[in-house]
Amino acid sequence: MNLLRKLFFIFLVGVPITQASKYECYTCQHRKPDVEGVKSPSSCETGKKPKSNLKDDCESTLYEYYSFGSGNYLGVPKDMLLSNTGLRPQSTIPKQARNNEDFYTCFKLTVSGKAQGTNDDLAYTFRGCLNIILVNGTYPDICYEGVRSKLANEIKEIELKDLAENGATRFGGDPNIGICSCNGNNCNSAKISATLSFILPLVAVAIQILHYIK
């Protein structure tokens, strides 16, 4: 039984699970097709891993903050098109709100469909840091994918719902949306959802094995 424990421990520590409250994320925007005269970084496109020079330190990022009431705030990078949400932004938050749970998390948002007005093909990819301030609780590693009308009822986190809805405002009809949040350095790379779907079952198996070998 001791041998089993040792083998299991070696297996478990080899799985790269990172939990951190403050870290860096890939930060970039990609538009397809490009706006005339503005070239998007090609490695930021969905399905690709961004280059290392596209990483940002979440603590040094400048945010616009949006209040969701009851002391809950969402900080979105100021230089992102996503900072123009339907809520009124503020550059700072009340000092007392900083006593609440304060998280930095990475996100990735993809939207594709037909452009509003012109009906031309259009696709956006956004990656970056979020500063989330909650009265209590933690923020999940989670992904959602589907058309806008479907996700409107599926996304439970109001901050992610707001980002998804804002990202889709440039689109007509029912565009395809994918949005993920994750905890870990530069976790918002191309394979964020695949990584999460691989790690979480391993954790469940690990708990069962530990229970068995006690």
C-alpha atoms as a PDB file:
ATOM      1  CA  MET A   1       0.000   0.000   0.000  1.00  0.00           C
ATOM      2  CA  ASN A   2       2.896   2.389   0.698  1.00  0.00           C
ATOM      3  CA  LEU A   3       4.206   1.755  -2.811  1.00  0.00           C
ATOM      4  CA  LEU A   4       0.804   2.652  -4.217  1.00  0.00           C
ATOM      5  CA  ARG A   5       0.864   5.942  -2.317  1.00  0.00           C
ATOM      6  CA  LYS A   6       4.333   6.810  -3.622  1.00  0.00           C
ATOM      7  CA  LEU A   7       3.416   6.009  -7.223  1.00  0.00           C
ATOM      8  CA  PHE A   8       0.225   8.016  -6.954  1.00  0.00           C
ATOM      9  CA  PHE A   9       2.082  11.014  -5.485  1.00  0.00           C
ATOM     10  CA  ILE A  10       4.624  10.971  -8.334  1.00  0.00           C
ATOM     11  CA  PHE A  11       1.766  10.879 -10.845  1.00  0.00           C
ATOM     12  CA  LEU A  12      -0.147  13.699  -9.190  1.00  0.00           C
ATOM     13  CA  VAL A  13       2.720  16.184  -8.853  1.00  0.00           C
ATOM     14  CA  GLY A  14       3.462  15.686 -12.512  1.00  0.00           C
ATOM     15  CA  VAL A  15       0.092  17.190 -13.477  1.00  0.00           C
ATOM     16  CA  PRO A  16       0.526  20.949 -14.064  1.00  0.00           C
ATOM     17  CA  ILE A  17      -2.249  22.477 -11.966  1.00  0.00           C
ATOM     18  CA  THR A  18      -1.548  26.101 -11.128  1.00  0.00           C
ATOM     19  CA  GLN A  19      -3.575  28.219  -8.738  1.00  0.00           C
ATOM     20  CA  ALA A  20      -2.612  31.870  -8.401  1.00  0.00           C
ATOM     21  CA  SER A  21      -4.482  35.037  -7.537  1.00  0.00           C
ATOM     22  CA  LYS A  22      -2.171  37.381  -9.484  1.00  0.00           C
ATOM     23  CA  TYR A  23      -0.287  36.496 -12.638  1.00  0.00           C
ATOM     24  CA  GLU A  24       0.174  37.328 -16.305  1.00  0.00           C
ATOM     25  CA  CYS A  25      -2.096  36.555 -19.249  1.00  0.00           C
ATOM     26  CA  TYR A  26      -1.804  36.683 -23.024  1.00  0.00           C
ATOM     27  CA  THR A  27      -3.233  40.089 -23.963  1.00  0.00           C
ATOM     28  CA  CYS A  28      -4.150  40.809 -27.569  1.00  0.00           C
ATOM     29  CA  GLN A  29      -6.953  41.327 -30.066  1.00  0.00           C
ATOM     30  CA  HIS A  30      -7.367  39.773 -33.505  1.00  0.00           C
ATOM     31  CA  ARG A  31      -9.863  40.846 -36.158  1.00  0.00           C
ATOM     32  CA  LYS A  32     -10.557  38.978 -39.375  1.00  0.00           C
ATOM     33  CA  PRO A  33     -10.556  40.680 -41.798  1.00  0.00           C
ATOM     34  CA  ASP A  34      -8.205  43.397 -40.538  1.00  0.00           C
ATOM     35  CA  VAL A  35      -9.331  47.007 -40.483  1.00  0.00           C
ATOM     36  CA  GLU A  36      -7.591  48.863 -43.311  1.00  0.00           C
ATOM     37  CA  GLY A  37      -4.191  50.045 -42.110  1.00  0.00           C
ATOM     38  CA  VAL A  38      -4.297  48.044 -38.861  1.00  0.00           C
ATOM     39  CA  LYS A  39      -2.644  44.614 -38.803  1.00  0.00           C
ATOM     40  CA  SER A  40      -3.756  42.196 -36.084  1.00  0.00           C
ATOM     41  CA  PRO A  41      -1.071  39.984 -34.480  1.00  0.00           C
ATOM     42  CA  SER A  42      -1.522  36.718 -36.393  1.00  0.00           C
ATOM     43  CA  SER A  43      -0.620  34.505 -33.412  1.00  0.00           C
ATOM     44  CA  CYS A  44      -3.575  35.946 -31.453  1.00  0.00           C
ATOM     45  CA  GLU A  45      -6.101  34.382 -33.824  1.00  0.00           C
ATOM     46  CA  THR A  46      -8.284  31.662 -32.343  1.00  0.00           C
ATOM     47  CA  GLY A  47      -6.750  28.203 -32.664  1.00  0.00           C
ATOM     48  CA  LYS A  48      -3.204  29.559 -32.319  1.00  0.00           C
ATOM     49  CA  LYS A  49      -0.915  30.123 -29.330  1.00  0.00           C
ATOM     50  CA  PRO A  50       0.063  33.808 -28.973  1.00  0.00           C
ATOM     51  CA  LYS A  51       3.727  34.767 -29.088  1.00  0.00           C
ATOM     52  CA  SER A  52       5.505  35.418 -25.792  1.00  0.00           C
ATOM     53  CA  ASN A  53       5.708  39.180 -26.437  1.00  0.00           C
ATOM     54  CA  LEU A  54       1.901  39.337 -26.124  1.00  0.00           C
ATOM     55  CA  LYS A  55       1.940  38.562 -22.380  1.00  0.00           C
ATOM     56  CA  ASP A  56       0.899  41.204 -19.836  1.00  0.00           C
ATOM     57  CA  ASP A  57       1.268  41.460 -16.067  1.00  0.00           C
ATOM     58  CA  CYS A  58      -2.268  41.656 -14.660  1.00  0.00           C
ATOM     59  CA  GLU A  59      -1.250  43.794 -11.690  1.00  0.00           C
ATOM     60  CA  SER A  60       0.236  46.534 -13.881  1.00  0.00           C
ATOM     61  CA  THR A  61      -2.651  46.535 -16.387  1.00  0.00           C
ATOM     62  CA  LEU A  62      -4.887  49.622 -16.389  1.00  0.00           C
ATOM     63  CA  TYR A  63      -8.568  48.758 -16.031  1.00  0.00           C
ATOM     64  CA  GLU A  64     -11.966  50.337 -16.431  1.00  0.00           C
ATOM     65  CA  TYR A  65     -14.282  49.114 -13.681  1.00  0.00           C
ATOM     66  CA  TYR A  66     -17.949  48.239 -14.001  1.00  0.00           C
ATOM     67  CA  SER A  67     -20.220  47.840 -10.993  1.00  0.00           C
ATOM     68  CA  PHE A  68     -22.599  44.907 -10.812  1.00  0.00           C
ATOM     69  CA  GLY A  69     -23.996  46.056  -7.474  1.00  0.00           C
ATOM     70  CA  SER A  70     -23.510  44.854  -3.888  1.00  0.00           C
ATOM     71  CA  GLY A  71     -19.766  45.579  -3.995  1.00  0.00           C
ATOM     72  CA  ASN A  72     -19.058  43.389  -7.057  1.00  0.00           C
ATOM     73  CA  TYR A  73     -16.889  44.900  -9.826  1.00  0.00           C
ATOM     74  CA  LEU A  74     -15.410  43.833 -13.147  1.00  0.00           C
ATOM     75  CA  GLY A  75     -12.150  45.411 -14.344  1.00  0.00           C
ATOM     76  CA  VAL A  76     -11.598  45.261 -18.138  1.00  0.00           C
ATOM     77  CA  PRO A  77      -8.305  46.381 -19.767  1.00  0.00           C
ATOM     78  CA  LYS A  78      -8.693  50.012 -20.845  1.00  0.00           C
ATOM     79  CA  ASP A  79      -7.160  49.609 -24.292  1.00  0.00           C
ATOM     80  CA  MET A  80      -9.520  46.806 -25.351  1.00  0.00           C
ATOM     81  CA  LEU A  81     -12.558  47.335 -27.556  1.00  0.00           C
ATOM     82  CA  LEU A  82     -14.416  45.317 -24.921  1.00  0.00           C
ATOM     83  CA  SER A  83     -14.133  48.139 -22.397  1.00  0.00           C
ATOM     84  CA  ASN A  84     -17.163  49.756 -24.069  1.00  0.00           C
ATOM     85  CA  THR A  85     -19.802  47.677 -22.282  1.00  0.00           C
ATOM     86  CA  GLY A  86     -23.400  48.639 -21.628  1.00  0.00           C
ATOM     87  CA  LEU A  87     -22.468  49.700 -18.095  1.00  0.00           C
ATOM     88  CA  ARG A  88     -20.974  53.043 -17.092  1.00  0.00           C
ATOM     89  CA  PRO A  89     -17.223  52.646 -16.443  1.00  0.00           C
ATOM     90  CA  GLN A  90     -15.154  54.211 -13.684  1.00  0.00           C
ATOM     91  CA  SER A  91     -11.372  54.440 -13.422  1.00  0.00           C
ATOM     92  CA  THR A  92     -11.292  53.595  -9.708  1.00  0.00           C
ATOM     93  CA  ILE A  93     -13.497  51.749  -7.255  1.00  0.00           C
ATOM     94  CA  PRO A  94     -14.505  52.683  -3.690  1.00  0.00           C
ATOM     95  CA  LYS A  95     -11.761  51.949  -1.165  1.00  0.00           C
ATOM     96  CA  GLN A  96     -14.064  49.745   0.912  1.00  0.00           C
ATOM     97  CA  ALA A  97     -14.631  47.450  -2.086  1.00  0.00           C
ATOM     98  CA  ARG A  98     -10.928  46.521  -1.970  1.00  0.00           C
ATOM     99  CA  ASN A  99     -11.693  44.647   1.250  1.00  0.00           C
ATOM    100  CA  ASN A 100     -13.724  42.166  -0.796  1.00  0.00           C
ATOM    101  CA  GLU A 101     -12.251  39.153  -2.600  1.00  0.00           C
ATOM    102  CA  ASP A 102      -9.912  40.498  -5.301  1.00  0.00           C
ATOM    103  CA  PHE A 103      -9.001  38.209  -8.218  1.00  0.00           C
ATOM    104  CA  TYR A 104      -7.025  38.401 -11.404  1.00  0.00           C
ATOM    105  CA  THR A 105      -8.135  35.883 -13.988  1.00  0.00           C
ATOM    106  CA  CYS A 106      -7.322  35.326 -17.666  1.00  0.00           C
ATOM    107  CA  PHE A 107     -10.028  35.270 -20.306  1.00  0.00           C
ATOM    108  CA  LYS A 108     -10.427  34.404 -23.956  1.00  0.00           C
ATOM    109  CA  LEU A 109     -13.412  35.512 -26.056  1.00  0.00           C
ATOM    110  CA  THR A 110     -14.091  34.546 -29.660  1.00  0.00           C
ATOM    111  CA  VAL A 111     -17.003  35.777 -31.771  1.00  0.00           C
ATOM    112  CA  SER A 112     -17.692  34.926 -35.414  1.00  0.00           C
ATOM    113  CA  GLY A 113     -20.590  35.554 -37.777  1.00  0.00           C
ATOM    114  CA  LYS A 114     -21.943  38.304 -40.011  1.00  0.00           C
ATOM    115  CA  ALA A 115     -21.089  41.961 -39.392  1.00  0.00           C
ATOM    116  CA  GLN A 116     -23.921  44.220 -38.300  1.00  0.00           C
ATOM    117  CA  GLY A 117     -25.176  46.283 -41.249  1.00  0.00           C
ATOM    118  CA  THR A 118     -22.892  44.932 -44.009  1.00  0.00           C
ATOM    119  CA  ASN A 119     -23.529  41.189 -43.505  1.00  0.00           C
ATOM    120  CA  ASP A 120     -19.830  40.536 -44.303  1.00  0.00           C
ATOM    121  CA  ASP A 121     -17.963  37.675 -42.612  1.00  0.00           C
ATOM    122  CA  LEU A 122     -16.355  38.868 -39.382  1.00  0.00           C
ATOM    123  CA  ALA A 123     -14.429  37.204 -36.538  1.00  0.00           C
ATOM    124  CA  TYR A 124     -12.875  38.584 -33.359  1.00  0.00           C
ATOM    125  CA  THR A 125     -10.566  37.039 -30.764  1.00  0.00           C
ATOM    126  CA  PHE A 126      -9.870  38.803 -27.465  1.00  0.00           C
ATOM    127  CA  ARG A 127      -7.428  37.644 -24.794  1.00  0.00           C
ATOM    128  CA  GLY A 128      -6.409  39.405 -21.600  1.00  0.00           C
ATOM    129  CA  CYS A 129      -6.617  39.911 -17.833  1.00  0.00           C
ATOM    130  CA  LEU A 130      -9.730  40.621 -15.808  1.00  0.00           C
ATOM    131  CA  ASN A 131      -9.732  42.124 -12.324  1.00  0.00           C
ATOM    132  CA  ILE A 132     -12.782  40.721 -10.545  1.00  0.00           C
ATOM    133  CA  ILE A 133     -13.860  41.966  -7.138  1.00  0.00           C
ATOM    134  CA  LEU A 134     -16.491  39.923  -5.305  1.00  0.00           C
ATOM    135  CA  VAL A 135     -18.155  40.258  -1.925  1.00  0.00           C
ATOM    136  CA  ASN A 136     -17.497  36.559  -1.340  1.00  0.00           C
ATOM    137  CA  GLY A 137     -16.635  33.394  -3.204  1.00  0.00           C
ATOM    138  CA  THR A 138     -14.085  32.480  -5.842  1.00  0.00           C
ATOM    139  CA  TYR A 139     -14.036  32.690  -9.614  1.00  0.00           C
ATOM    140  CA  PRO A 140     -14.296  29.481 -11.664  1.00  0.00           C
ATOM    141  CA  ASP A 141     -12.242  27.929 -14.426  1.00  0.00           C
ATOM    142  CA  ILE A 142     -15.035  27.653 -16.962  1.00  0.00           C
ATOM    143  CA  CYS A 143     -15.807  27.765 -20.680  1.00  0.00           C
ATOM    144  CA  TYR A 144     -18.990  28.355 -22.651  1.00  0.00           C
ATOM    145  CA  GLU A 145     -19.524  27.903 -26.373  1.00  0.00           C
ATOM    146  CA  GLY A 146     -22.566  28.317 -28.615  1.00  0.00           C
ATOM    147  CA  VAL A 147     -24.705  30.843 -30.464  1.00  0.00           C
ATOM    148  CA  ARG A 148     -25.664  34.102 -28.754  1.00  0.00           C
ATOM    149  CA  SER A 149     -29.315  33.163 -28.141  1.00  0.00           C
ATOM    150  CA  LYS A 150     -28.284  29.910 -26.446  1.00  0.00           C
ATOM    151  CA  LEU A 151     -25.564  31.384 -24.228  1.00  0.00           C
ATOM    152  CA  ALA A 152     -27.834  34.180 -23.000  1.00  0.00           C
ATOM    153  CA  ASN A 153     -29.479  31.631 -20.691  1.00  0.00           C
ATOM    154  CA  GLU A 154     -26.462  29.397 -20.039  1.00  0.00           C
ATOM    155  CA  ILE A 155     -23.751  31.755 -18.773  1.00  0.00           C
ATOM    156  CA  LYS A 156     -24.152  32.002 -14.995  1.00  0.00           C
ATOM    157  CA  GLU A 157     -21.319  34.454 -14.251  1.00  0.00           C
ATOM    158  CA  ILE A 158     -22.697  37.958 -14.859  1.00  0.00           C
ATOM    159  CA  GLU A 159     -19.205  39.313 -15.659  1.00  0.00           C
ATOM    160  CA  LEU A 160     -18.632  36.773 -18.452  1.00  0.00           C
ATOM    161  CA  LYS A 161     -22.172  37.274 -19.739  1.00  0.00           C
ATOM    162  CA  ASP A 162     -21.554  41.015 -20.038  1.00  0.00           C
ATOM    163  CA  LEU A 163     -18.285  40.459 -21.925  1.00  0.00           C
ATOM    164  CA  ALA A 164     -19.903  37.962 -24.295  1.00  0.00           C
ATOM    165  CA  GLU A 165     -22.861  40.239 -25.012  1.00  0.00           C
ATOM    166  CA  ASN A 166     -20.593  43.215 -25.637  1.00  0.00           C
ATOM    167  CA  GLY A 167     -18.307  41.219 -27.924  1.00  0.00           C
ATOM    168  CA  ALA A 168     -21.326  40.298 -30.039  1.00  0.00           C
ATOM    169  CA  THR A 169     -22.653  43.858 -30.505  1.00  0.00           C
ATOM    170  CA  ARG A 170     -20.783  44.250 -33.814  1.00  0.00           C
ATOM    171  CA  PHE A 171     -22.624  41.236 -35.232  1.00  0.00           C
ATOM    172  CA  GLY A 172     -26.061  40.720 -36.705  1.00  0.00           C
ATOM    173  CA  GLY A 173     -28.186  37.603 -36.310  1.00  0.00           C
ATOM    174  CA  ASP A 174     -26.965  34.872 -33.963  1.00  0.00           C
ATOM    175  CA  PRO A 175     -23.140  34.793 -33.990  1.00  0.00           C
ATOM    176  CA  ASN A 176     -21.065  31.960 -32.545  1.00  0.00           C
ATOM    177  CA  ILE A 177     -19.454  32.845 -29.211  1.00  0.00           C
ATOM    178  CA  GLY A 178     -16.815  31.117 -27.115  1.00  0.00           C
ATOM    179  CA  ILE A 179     -15.779  32.550 -23.745  1.00  0.00           C
ATOM    180  CA  CYS A 180     -13.478  31.115 -21.070  1.00  0.00           C
ATOM    181  CA  SER A 181     -11.994  32.247 -17.774  1.00  0.00           C
ATOM    182  CA  CYS A 182      -9.059  30.438 -16.191  1.00  0.00           C
ATOM    183  CA  ASN A 183      -6.660  30.670 -13.261  1.00  0.00           C
ATOM    184  CA  GLY A 184      -2.961  30.249 -14.018  1.00  0.00           C
ATOM    185  CA  ASN A 185      -0.125  32.034 -15.777  1.00  0.00           C
ATOM    186  CA  ASN A 186      -0.896  32.536 -19.478  1.00  0.00           C
ATOM    187  CA  CYS A 187      -3.679  29.947 -19.341  1.00  0.00           C
ATOM    188  CA  ASN A 188      -5.698  31.767 -22.050  1.00  0.00           C
ATOM    189  CA  SER A 189      -3.708  30.221 -24.893  1.00  0.00           C
ATOM    190  CA  ALA A 190      -5.222  28.308 -27.805  1.00  0.00           C
ATOM    191  CA  LYS A 191      -6.057  25.133 -25.878  1.00  0.00           C
ATOM    192  CA  ILE A 192      -7.645  26.557 -22.750  1.00  0.00           C
ATOM    193  CA  SER A 193     -10.862  24.508 -22.871  1.00  0.00           C
ATOM    194  CA  ALA A 194      -9.065  21.289 -23.795  1.00  0.00           C
ATOM    195  CA  THR A 195      -6.657  21.744 -20.877  1.00  0.00           C
ATOM    196  CA  LEU A 196      -9.474  22.232 -18.396  1.00  0.00           C
ATOM    197  CA  SER A 197     -11.419  19.223 -19.674  1.00  0.00           C
ATOM    198  CA  PHE A 198      -8.270  17.089 -19.240  1.00  0.00           C
ATOM    199  CA  ILE A 199      -7.272  18.271 -15.751  1.00  0.00           C
ATOM    200  CA  LEU A 200     -10.642  18.246 -13.997  1.00  0.00           C
ATOM    201  CA  PRO A 201     -11.348  14.522 -14.569  1.00  0.00           C
ATOM    202  CA  LEU A 202      -7.828  13.747 -13.307  1.00  0.00           C
ATOM    203  CA  VAL A 203      -8.557  15.582 -10.077  1.00  0.00           C
ATOM    204  CA  ALA A 204     -11.766  13.568  -9.601  1.00  0.00           C
ATOM    205  CA  VAL A 205      -9.884  10.305 -10.190  1.00  0.00           C
ATOM    206  CA  ALA A 206      -7.137  11.420  -7.802  1.00  0.00           C
ATOM    207  CA  ILE A 207      -9.658  11.977  -5.002  1.00  0.00           C
ATOM    208  CA  GLN A 208     -11.143   8.518  -5.524  1.00  0.00           C
ATOM    209  CA  ILE A 209      -7.724   6.849  -5.485  1.00  0.00           C
ATOM    210  CA  LEU A 210      -6.725   8.654  -2.303  1.00  0.00           C
ATOM    211  CA  HIS A 211      -9.928   7.470  -0.656  1.00  0.00           C
ATOM    212  CA  TYR A 212      -9.221   3.897  -1.732  1.00  0.00           C
ATOM    213  CA  ILE A 213      -5.604   3.727  -0.506  1.00  0.00           C
ATOM    214  CA  LYS A 214      -6.209   5.297   2.917  1.00  0.00           C
END
